[in-house]
PDB file of N, CA and C in Angstrom:
ATOM      1  N   MET A   1    -178.677 195.714  25.019  1.00  0.00           N
ATOM      2  CA  MET A   1    -179.020 194.726  23.928  1.00  0.00           C
ATOM      3  C   MET A   1    -179.612 193.524  24.736  1.00  0.00           C
ATOM      4  N   ARG A   2    -180.948 193.090  24.206  1.00  0.00           N
ATOM      5  CA  ARG A   2    -181.338 191.925  24.817  1.00  0.00           C
ATOM      6  C   ARG A   2    -181.751 191.102  23.643  1.00  0.00           C
ATOM      7  N   LEU A   3    -181.561 189.793  24.060  1.00  0.00           N
ATOM      8  CA  LEU A   3    -181.769 188.571  23.001  1.00  0.00           C
ATOM      9  C   LEU A   3    -183.264 187.660  23.821  1.00  0.00           C
ATOM     10  N   VAL A   4    -183.682 187.288  22.911  1.00  0.00           N
ATOM     11  CA  VAL A   4    -184.988 186.527  23.265  1.00  0.00           C
ATOM     12  C   VAL A   4    -185.120 185.527  22.642  1.00  0.00           C
ATOM     13  N   ILE A   5    -185.019 184.026  23.121  1.00  0.00           N
ATOM     14  CA  ILE A   5    -185.238 182.408  22.697  1.00  0.00           C
ATOM     15  C   ILE A   5    -186.062 181.862  23.027  1.00  0.00           C
ATOM     16  N   GLN A   6    -186.549 180.909  22.387  1.00  0.00           N
ATOM     17  CA  GLN A   6    -187.582 180.190  22.632  1.00  0.00           C
ATOM     18  C   GLN A   6    -186.830 178.779  22.549  1.00  0.00           C
ATOM     19  N   GLN A   7    -187.417 177.905  23.463  1.00  0.00           N
ATOM     20  CA  GLN A   7    -187.203 176.523  23.520  1.00  0.00           C
ATOM     21  C   GLN A   7    -188.258 175.724  23.779  1.00  0.00           C
ATOM     22  N   PRO A   8    -188.450 174.836  22.522  1.00  0.00           N
ATOM     23  CA  PRO A   8    -189.496 173.539  23.151  1.00  0.00           C
ATOM     24  C   PRO A   8    -189.255 173.099  24.327  1.00  0.00           C
ATOM     25  N   ALA A   9    -190.589 172.554  24.981  1.00  0.00           N
ATOM     26  CA  ALA A   9    -190.233 171.823  26.099  1.00  0.00           C
ATOM     27  C   ALA A   9    -190.054 170.516  25.610  1.00  0.00           C
ATOM     28  N   ILE A  10    -189.224 169.658  26.565  1.00  0.00           N
ATOM     29  CA  ILE A  10    -188.919 168.431  25.957  1.00  0.00           C
ATOM     30  C   ILE A  10    -189.359 167.455  27.633  1.00  0.00           C
ATOM     31  N   GLU A  11    -190.168 166.553  27.324  1.00  0.00           N
ATOM     32  CA  GLU A  11    -190.682 165.714  28.253  1.00  0.00           C
ATOM     33  C   GLU A  11    -189.707 164.146  28.371  1.00  0.00           C
ATOM     34  N   GLY A  12    -189.252 164.582  29.964  1.00  0.00           N
ATOM     35  CA  GLY A  12    -188.416 163.414  30.348  1.00  0.00           C
ATOM     36  C   GLY A  12    -187.872 163.518  31.568  1.00  0.00           C
ATOM     37  N   ILE A  13    -186.768 162.738  31.592  1.00  0.00           N
ATOM     38  CA  ILE A  13    -186.165 163.029  33.242  1.00  0.00           C
ATOM     39  C   ILE A  13    -184.568 163.558  32.759  1.00  0.00           C
ATOM     40  N   PRO A  14    -183.925 164.029  33.775  1.00  0.00           N
ATOM     41  CA  PRO A  14    -182.475 164.190  33.418  1.00  0.00           C
ATOM     42  C   PRO A  14    -181.849 162.790  33.561  1.00  0.00           C
ATOM     43  N   ALA A  15    -180.723 162.636  32.302  1.00  0.00           N
ATOM     44  CA  ALA A  15    -180.078 161.256  32.186  1.00  0.00           C
ATOM     45  C   ALA A  15    -179.387 160.761  33.340  1.00  0.00           C
ATOM     46  N   SER A  16    -179.203 159.977  33.838  1.00  0.00           N
ATOM     47  CA  SER A  16    -178.096 159.307  34.726  1.00  0.00           C
ATOM     48  C   SER A  16    -176.648 159.570  34.139  1.00  0.00           C
ATOM     49  N   VAL A  17    -176.078 159.844  35.058  1.00  0.00           N
ATOM     50  CA  VAL A  17    -174.423 160.138  34.542  1.00  0.00           C
ATOM     51  C   VAL A  17    -174.002 158.632  34.072  1.00  0.00           C
ATOM     52  N   GLU A  18    -174.604 157.513  34.719  1.00  0.00           N
ATOM     53  CA  GLU A  18    -174.056 156.040  34.130  1.00  0.00           C
ATOM     54  C   GLU A  18    -174.748 156.402  32.659  1.00  0.00           C
ATOM     55  N   HIS A  19    -176.156 156.822  32.461  1.00  0.00           N
ATOM     56  CA  HIS A  19    -177.035 156.417  30.996  1.00  0.00           C
ATOM     57  C   HIS A  19    -176.115 157.422  29.617  1.00  0.00           C
ATOM     58  N   ILE A  20    -175.493 158.290  30.228  1.00  0.00           N
ATOM     59  CA  ILE A  20    -174.894 159.341  29.515  1.00  0.00           C
ATOM     60  C   ILE A  20    -173.804 158.976  29.393  1.00  0.00           C
ATOM     61  N   HIS A  21    -172.817 158.409  30.218  1.00  0.00           N
ATOM     62  CA  HIS A  21    -171.646 157.799  29.481  1.00  0.00           C
ATOM     63  C   HIS A  21    -171.728 156.537  29.036  1.00  0.00           C
ATOM     64  N   ARG A  22    -172.474 155.285  29.090  1.00  0.00           N
ATOM     65  CA  ARG A  22    -173.109 154.654  28.327  1.00  0.00           C
ATOM     66  C   ARG A  22    -173.553 154.855  26.784  1.00  0.00           C
ATOM     67  N   PHE A  23    -174.155 155.852  26.701  1.00  0.00           N
ATOM     68  CA  PHE A  23    -174.627 156.139  25.254  1.00  0.00           C
ATOM     69  C   PHE A  23    -173.445 156.818  24.344  1.00  0.00           C
ATOM     70  N   PHE A  24    -172.185 157.697  24.921  1.00  0.00           N
ATOM     71  CA  PHE A  24    -171.604 158.016  24.321  1.00  0.00           C
ATOM     72  C   PHE A  24    -170.428 156.882  23.798  1.00  0.00           C
ATOM     73  N   ALA A  25    -170.270 155.765  24.927  1.00  0.00           N
ATOM     74  CA  ALA A  25    -169.269 154.824  24.867  1.00  0.00           C
ATOM     75  C   ALA A  25    -169.911 154.242  23.824  1.00  0.00           C
ATOM     76  N   GLU A  26    -170.855 153.300  23.970  1.00  0.00           N
ATOM     77  CA  GLU A  26    -171.632 152.779  22.822  1.00  0.00           C
ATOM     78  C   GLU A  26    -171.786 153.469  21.251  1.00  0.00           C
ATOM     79  N   SER A  27    -171.805 154.514  21.515  1.00  0.00           N
ATOM     80  CA  SER A  27    -171.691 155.223  20.342  1.00  0.00           C
ATOM     81  C   SER A  27    -170.081 155.788  19.492  1.00  0.00           C
ATOM     82  N   GLY A  28    -168.983 154.938  20.170  1.00  0.00           N
ATOM     83  CA  GLY A  28    -167.959 154.824  19.547  1.00  0.00           C
ATOM     84  C   GLY A  28    -167.128 156.539  20.146  1.00  0.00           C
ATOM     85  N   TRP A  29    -167.696 156.924  20.932  1.00  0.00           N
ATOM     86  CA  TRP A  29    -166.921 158.129  21.807  1.00  0.00           C
ATOM     87  C   TRP A  29    -165.969 157.503  22.663  1.00  0.00           C
ATOM     88  N   THR A  30    -164.764 158.120  22.918  1.00  0.00           N
ATOM     89  CA  THR A  30    -163.945 158.245  24.168  1.00  0.00           C
ATOM     90  C   THR A  30    -164.162 159.171  25.088  1.00  0.00           C
ATOM     91  N   ARG A  31    -164.224 158.726  26.348  1.00  0.00           N
ATOM     92  CA  ARG A  31    -164.660 159.789  27.364  1.00  0.00           C
ATOM     93  C   ARG A  31    -163.466 159.678  28.108  1.00  0.00           C
ATOM     94  N   PHE A  32    -163.350 161.314  28.341  1.00  0.00           N
ATOM     95  CA  PHE A  32    -161.789 161.927  29.315  1.00  0.00           C
ATOM     96  C   PHE A  32    -162.418 162.908  30.185  1.00  0.00           C
ATOM     97  N   GLU A  33    -161.322 163.475  31.171  1.00  0.00           N
ATOM     98  CA  GLU A  33    -161.691 164.391  31.874  1.00  0.00           C
ATOM     99  C   GLU A  33    -160.453 165.631  31.742  1.00  0.00           C
ATOM    100  N   VAL A  34    -161.003 166.717  32.125  1.00  0.00           N
ATOM    101  CA  VAL A  34    -159.746 167.791  31.837  1.00  0.00           C
ATOM    102  C   VAL A  34    -160.236 168.409  33.203  1.00  0.00           C
ATOM    103  N   GLY A  35    -159.563 169.007  34.363  1.00  0.00           N
ATOM    104  CA  GLY A  35    -159.926 170.221  35.022  1.00  0.00           C
ATOM    105  C   GLY A  35    -161.477 169.583  35.788  1.00  0.00           C
ATOM    106  N   GLY A  36    -161.365 168.226  36.041  1.00  0.00           N
ATOM    107  CA  GLY A  36    -162.627 167.542  36.737  1.00  0.00           C
ATOM    108  C   GLY A  36    -163.991 167.645  35.543  1.00  0.00           C
ATOM    109  N   GLU A  37    -163.759 167.871  34.433  1.00  0.00           N
ATOM    110  CA  GLU A  37    -164.866 168.090  33.612  1.00  0.00           C
ATOM    111  C   GLU A  37    -165.089 166.843  32.705  1.00  0.00           C
ATOM    112  N   VAL A  38    -166.295 166.250  32.313  1.00  0.00           N
ATOM    113  CA  VAL A  38    -166.433 165.022  31.528  1.00  0.00           C
ATOM    114  C   VAL A  38    -166.466 165.877  30.216  1.00  0.00           C
ATOM    115  N   ALA A  39    -166.064 165.234  29.338  1.00  0.00           N
ATOM    116  CA  ALA A  39    -165.735 165.392  27.793  1.00  0.00           C
ATOM    117  C   ALA A  39    -165.771 163.938  26.784  1.00  0.00           C
ATOM    118  N   PHE A  40    -166.112 163.852  25.604  1.00  0.00           N
ATOM    119  CA  PHE A  40    -166.115 162.838  24.755  1.00  0.00           C
ATOM    120  C   PHE A  40    -165.509 163.351  23.684  1.00  0.00           C
ATOM    121  N   PHE A  41    -164.901 162.268  23.276  1.00  0.00           N
ATOM    122  CA  PHE A  41    -163.991 162.672  21.905  1.00  0.00           C
ATOM    123  C   PHE A  41    -164.151 161.617  20.732  1.00  0.00           C
ATOM    124  N   ASP A  42    -164.586 161.779  19.690  1.00  0.00           N
ATOM    125  CA  ASP A  42    -164.776 161.200  18.363  1.00  0.00           C
ATOM    126  C   ASP A  42    -163.429 161.046  17.555  1.00  0.00           C
ATOM    127  N   SER A  43    -162.600 160.377  17.816  1.00  0.00           N
ATOM    128  CA  SER A  43    -161.117 160.096  16.995  1.00  0.00           C
ATOM    129  C   SER A  43    -161.326 160.501  15.417  1.00  0.00           C
ATOM    130  N   GLU A  44    -162.568 159.600  14.957  1.00  0.00           N
ATOM    131  CA  GLU A  44    -162.733 160.023  13.377  1.00  0.00           C
ATOM    132  C   GLU A  44    -162.961 161.024  12.807  1.00  0.00           C
ATOM    133  N   ARG A  45    -163.604 161.862  13.719  1.00  0.00           N
ATOM    134  CA  ARG A  45    -164.132 162.972  13.168  1.00  0.00           C
ATOM    135  C   ARG A  45    -163.417 164.147  13.759  1.00  0.00           C
ATOM    136  N   CYS A  46    -162.394 163.964  14.659  1.00  0.00           N
ATOM    137  CA  CYS A  46    -161.432 165.000  15.429  1.00  0.00           C
ATOM    138  C   CYS A  46    -162.588 166.124  16.304  1.00  0.00           C
ATOM    139  N   VAL A  47    -163.734 165.555  16.956  1.00  0.00           N
ATOM    140  CA  VAL A  47    -164.729 166.475  17.396  1.00  0.00           C
ATOM    141  C   VAL A  47    -164.855 166.196  18.541  1.00  0.00           C
ATOM    142  N   VAL A  48    -165.157 166.947  19.686  1.00  0.00           N
ATOM    143  CA  VAL A  48    -165.210 166.965  21.076  1.00  0.00           C
ATOM    144  C   VAL A  48    -166.402 167.448  21.762  1.00  0.00           C
ATOM    145  N   ILE A  49    -167.225 166.461  22.584  1.00  0.00           N
ATOM    146  CA  ILE A  49    -168.392 167.285  23.071  1.00  0.00           C
ATOM    147  C   ILE A  49    -168.182 167.087  24.810  1.00  0.00           C
ATOM    148  N   SER A  50    -168.689 168.615  25.004  1.00  0.00           N
ATOM    149  CA  SER A  50    -168.438 168.957  26.431  1.00  0.00           C
ATOM    150  C   SER A  50    -169.790 169.309  27.239  1.00  0.00           C
ATOM    151  N   ASP A  51    -169.722 169.530  28.371  1.00  0.00           N
ATOM    152  CA  ASP A  51    -170.730 170.157  29.058  1.00  0.00           C
ATOM    153  C   ASP A  51    -171.664 169.035  29.248  1.00  0.00           C
ATOM    154  N   THR A  52    -171.585 167.739  29.178  1.00  0.00           N
ATOM    155  CA  THR A  52    -172.610 166.897  28.970  1.00  0.00           C
ATOM    156  C   THR A  52    -172.797 166.258  30.625  1.00  0.00           C
ATOM    157  N   HIS A  53    -173.233 167.126  31.299  1.00  0.00           N
ATOM    158  CA  HIS A  53    -173.647 166.860  32.793  1.00  0.00           C
ATOM    159  C   HIS A  53    -175.327 166.387  32.285  1.00  0.00           C
ATOM    160  N   GLN A  54    -175.772 165.713  33.726  1.00  0.00           N
ATOM    161  CA  GLN A  54    -177.427 165.697  33.577  1.00  0.00           C
ATOM    162  C   GLN A  54    -178.307 166.483  33.208  1.00  0.00           C
ATOM    163  N   GLY A  55    -177.905 168.062  33.432  1.00  0.00           N
ATOM    164  CA  GLY A  55    -179.182 168.588  33.515  1.00  0.00           C
ATOM    165  C   GLY A  55    -178.785 169.225  31.765  1.00  0.00           C
ATOM    166  N   ASN A  56    -177.930 168.553  31.033  1.00  0.00           N
ATOM    167  CA  ASN A  56    -177.771 169.115  29.548  1.00  0.00           C
ATOM    168  C   ASN A  56    -178.335 167.787  28.848  1.00  0.00           C
ATOM    169  N   LEU A  57    -178.645 166.876  29.124  1.00  0.00           N
ATOM    170  CA  LEU A  57    -179.236 165.483  28.581  1.00  0.00           C
ATOM    171  C   LEU A  57    -180.324 165.058  29.102  1.00  0.00           C
ATOM    172  N   ILE A  58    -181.298 164.832  28.285  1.00  0.00           N
ATOM    173  CA  ILE A  58    -182.793 164.479  29.074  1.00  0.00           C
ATOM    174  C   ILE A  58    -183.268 162.794  28.299  1.00  0.00           C
ATOM    175  N   LEU A  59    -183.612 162.154  29.176  1.00  0.00           N
ATOM    176  CA  LEU A  59    -183.850 161.188  28.857  1.00  0.00           C
ATOM    177  C   LEU A  59    -185.391 160.716  28.296  1.00  0.00           C
ATOM    178  N   MET A  60    -185.801 160.715  27.568  1.00  0.00           N
ATOM    179  CA  MET A  60    -187.162 160.550  26.977  1.00  0.00           C
ATOM    180  C   MET A  60    -187.354 159.437  27.118  1.00  0.00           C
ATOM    181  N   LYS A  61    -189.145 159.143  26.689  1.00  0.00           N
ATOM    182  CA  LYS A  61    -189.911 158.085  27.020  1.00  0.00           C
ATOM    183  C   LYS A  61    -189.132 156.923  26.032  1.00  0.00           C
ATOM    184  N   ASP A  62    -189.040 157.371  25.108  1.00  0.00           N
ATOM    185  CA  ASP A  62    -188.541 156.458  23.703  1.00  0.00           C
ATOM    186  C   ASP A  62    -187.010 155.802  24.362  1.00  0.00           C
ATOM    187  N   GLY A  63    -186.374 156.176  25.401  1.00  0.00           N
ATOM    188  CA  GLY A  63    -185.165 156.038  25.619  1.00  0.00           C
ATOM    189  C   GLY A  63    -183.971 156.744  24.884  1.00  0.00           C
ATOM    190  N   LEU A  64    -184.387 157.758  23.809  1.00  0.00           N
ATOM    191  CA  LEU A  64    -183.312 158.371  23.319  1.00  0.00           C
ATOM    192  C   LEU A  64    -182.980 159.767  24.449  1.00  0.00           C
ATOM    193  N   LEU A  65    -181.712 160.050  24.101  1.00  0.00           N
ATOM    194  CA  LEU A  65    -181.098 161.371  24.868  1.00  0.00           C
ATOM    195  C   LEU A  65    -181.269 162.558  23.876  1.00  0.00           C
ATOM    196  N   ALA A  66    -182.166 163.840  24.574  1.00  0.00           N
ATOM    197  CA  ALA A  66    -182.316 164.943  23.813  1.00  0.00           C
ATOM    198  C   ALA A  66    -181.386 166.038  24.682  1.00  0.00           C
ATOM    199  N   PRO A  67    -180.338 166.412  23.231  1.00  0.00           N
ATOM    200  CA  PRO A  67    -179.343 167.571  24.136  1.00  0.00           C
ATOM    201  C   PRO A  67    -180.086 168.362  24.029  1.00  0.00           C
ATOM    202  N   ILE A  68    -179.311 169.402  25.497  1.00  0.00           N
ATOM    203  CA  ILE A  68    -180.113 170.613  25.746  1.00  0.00           C
ATOM    204  C   ILE A  68    -179.109 171.914  25.265  1.00  0.00           C
ATOM    205  N   ASP A  69    -177.493 171.981  25.944  1.00  0.00           N
ATOM    206  CA  ASP A  69    -176.970 172.751  25.641  1.00  0.00           C
ATOM    207  C   ASP A  69    -175.509 172.088  25.681  1.00  0.00           C
ATOM    208  N   LEU A  70    -175.125 171.466  24.972  1.00  0.00           N
ATOM    209  CA  LEU A  70    -173.847 170.544  24.595  1.00  0.00           C
ATOM    210  C   LEU A  70    -172.962 171.651  23.767  1.00  0.00           C
ATOM    211  N   ARG A  71    -171.473 171.466  24.400  1.00  0.00           N
ATOM    212  CA  ARG A  71    -170.572 172.098  23.368  1.00  0.00           C
ATOM    213  C   ARG A  71    -170.082 171.235  22.549  1.00  0.00           C
ATOM    214  N   VAL A  72    -170.182 171.212  21.307  1.00  0.00           N
ATOM    215  CA  VAL A  72    -169.490 170.674  19.942  1.00  0.00           C
ATOM    216  C   VAL A  72    -168.590 171.237  19.200  1.00  0.00           C
ATOM    217  N   GLN A  73    -167.165 171.050  19.262  1.00  0.00           N
ATOM    218  CA  GLN A  73    -165.959 171.625  19.171  1.00  0.00           C
ATOM    219  C   GLN A  73    -165.080 170.902  17.755  1.00  0.00           C
ATOM    220  N   PRO A  74    -165.083 171.161  16.729  1.00  0.00           N
ATOM    221  CA  PRO A  74    -164.076 170.282  16.146  1.00  0.00           C
ATOM    222  C   PRO A  74    -162.495 171.054  16.359  1.00  0.00           C
ATOM    223  N   LEU A  75    -161.320 169.963  16.404  1.00  0.00           N
ATOM    224  CA  LEU A  75    -160.131 170.016  16.833  1.00  0.00           C
ATOM    225  C   LEU A  75    -159.374 169.923  15.989  1.00  0.00           C
ATOM    226  N   SER A  76    -158.479 170.551  16.005  1.00  0.00           N
ATOM    227  CA  SER A  76    -157.227 170.457  15.115  1.00  0.00           C
ATOM    228  C   SER A  76    -155.811 171.013  15.875  1.00  0.00           C
ATOM    229  N   GLY A  77    -154.442 170.738  15.187  1.00  0.00           N
ATOM    230  CA  GLY A  77    -153.497 171.327  16.056  1.00  0.00           C
ATOM    231  C   GLY A  77    -153.146 171.068  17.281  1.00  0.00           C
ATOM    232  N   ALA A  78    -152.745 171.744  18.374  1.00  0.00           N
ATOM    233  CA  ALA A  78    -152.237 171.425  19.555  1.00  0.00           C
ATOM    234  C   ALA A  78    -152.983 171.028  20.302  1.00  0.00           C
ATOM    235  N   LEU A  79    -154.300 171.607  19.993  1.00  0.00           N
ATOM    236  CA  LEU A  79    -155.541 170.671  20.758  1.00  0.00           C
ATOM    237  C   LEU A  79    -155.806 169.856  20.550  1.00  0.00           C
ATOM    238  N   LEU A  80    -155.984 169.181  19.189  1.00  0.00           N
ATOM    239  CA  LEU A  80    -156.145 167.987  18.683  1.00  0.00           C
ATOM    240  C   LEU A  80    -155.017 166.966  19.048  1.00  0.00           C
ATOM    241  N   ASP A  81    -154.065 167.403  19.546  1.00  0.00           N
ATOM    242  CA  ASP A  81    -152.822 166.746  19.895  1.00  0.00           C
ATOM    243  C   ASP A  81    -152.809 166.191  21.332  1.00  0.00           C
ATOM    244  N   TYR A  82    -153.405 167.385  22.127  1.00  0.00           N
ATOM    245  CA  TYR A  82    -153.423 167.009  23.631  1.00  0.00           C
ATOM    246  C   TYR A  82    -154.317 166.320  23.793  1.00  0.00           C
ATOM    247  N   VAL A  83    -155.897 166.097  23.255  1.00  0.00           N
ATOM    248  CA  VAL A  83    -157.257 165.435  23.361  1.00  0.00           C
ATOM    249  C   VAL A  83    -156.867 164.217  23.010  1.00  0.00           C
ATOM    250  N   GLN A  84    -155.920 163.449  21.767  1.00  0.00           N
ATOM    251  CA  GLN A  84    -155.435 162.439  21.633  1.00  0.00           C
ATOM    252  C   GLN A  84    -154.593 162.081  22.790  1.00  0.00           C
ATOM    253  N   ARG A  85    -153.495 162.886  23.160  1.00  0.00           N
ATOM    254  CA  ARG A  85    -152.689 162.249  24.172  1.00  0.00           C
ATOM    255  C   ARG A  85    -153.539 161.877  25.615  1.00  0.00           C
ATOM    256  N   VAL A  86    -154.633 162.482  25.764  1.00  0.00           N
ATOM    257  CA  VAL A  86    -155.077 162.442  26.910  1.00  0.00           C
ATOM    258  C   VAL A  86    -156.187 161.289  27.097  1.00  0.00           C
ATOM    259  N   CYS A  87    -156.566 161.143  26.151  1.00  0.00           N
ATOM    260  CA  CYS A  87    -157.645 159.887  25.606  1.00  0.00           C
ATOM    261  C   CYS A  87    -156.824 158.733  25.600  1.00  0.00           C
ATOM    262  N   ARG A  88    -155.321 158.766  25.157  1.00  0.00           N
ATOM    263  CA  ARG A  88    -154.800 157.396  25.173  1.00  0.00           C
ATOM    264  C   ARG A  88    -154.238 157.027  26.840  1.00  0.00           C
ATOM    265  N   LYS A  89    -153.938 158.232  27.663  1.00  0.00           N
ATOM    266  CA  LYS A  89    -153.944 157.710  28.876  1.00  0.00           C
ATOM    267  C   LYS A  89    -155.134 156.941  29.643  1.00  0.00           C
ATOM    268  N   THR A  90    -156.351 157.472  29.343  1.00  0.00           N
ATOM    269  CA  THR A  90    -157.375 157.278  29.716  1.00  0.00           C
ATOM    270  C   THR A  90    -158.053 155.469  29.239  1.00  0.00           C
ATOM    271  N   SER A  91    -157.217 155.254  28.209  1.00  0.00           N
ATOM    272  CA  SER A  91    -157.698 154.126  27.458  1.00  0.00           C
ATOM    273  C   SER A  91    -156.955 153.018  27.605  1.00  0.00           C
TER     274      SER A  91
END
């Protein structure tokens, strides 16, 4: 099996860690860590965005961030309970 994908080029530079964290915080997301990996939780929508490292967010000339390969996951049940608990500890 083979898979061919096409991704348009995005002009910009890798966003700094500070820029990424500030963007998510100013947008209402709660930062948390699990196993050394940083993720962000939206408690209103019960969604987590992970894999938010510098290689996956490009800072464009207009100041916006372009996502490349982020993981977006809706949460429920025990997983939601766990993330809510971890976020309470970090806030």
